[in-house]
């Protein structure tokens, strides 16, 4: 299975979970968390069993999946709305993982004072993979 077909399969499973088609005790809830961790973590050991269980429990609730899907579905409208707003003039901290700098391009269009902070040895889940470093940068930024 290719990565894109695997992604489509996960989206389909997520949609089924969101519609309530999957019951809370289904093993699919854990497969979804496994997939997200495999795809988005640079350090697979960053999510311990207890944390994995917490995420799996949260994603087992149909209302949680519906809320997450709704959030992603609103991105297009958020982008359109954002084009009508004035640029931010307050400082903005942009924490990002290595090789994921498209957020910086996007923020350059939306803000005048962006501090780019790369969190090394991390993937999509910065706070889970590098909690001390993320906390230190946020403390420094917020003073």
Foldseek 3Di string as FASTA:
>chain_A
DDPVVVVVVLVVVLVCLLVVVDALVDCVLLVSLVVCLVVFWLDSPLQPPVNSVVSSNQSNHNVSSVVVVVVVVCVVVVVVVLVPDAAAADEAEAEAEPPPCVVVVVNVVRYDHYDYHYQYNTGPCRCSRPVVVVVVVVVVVVD
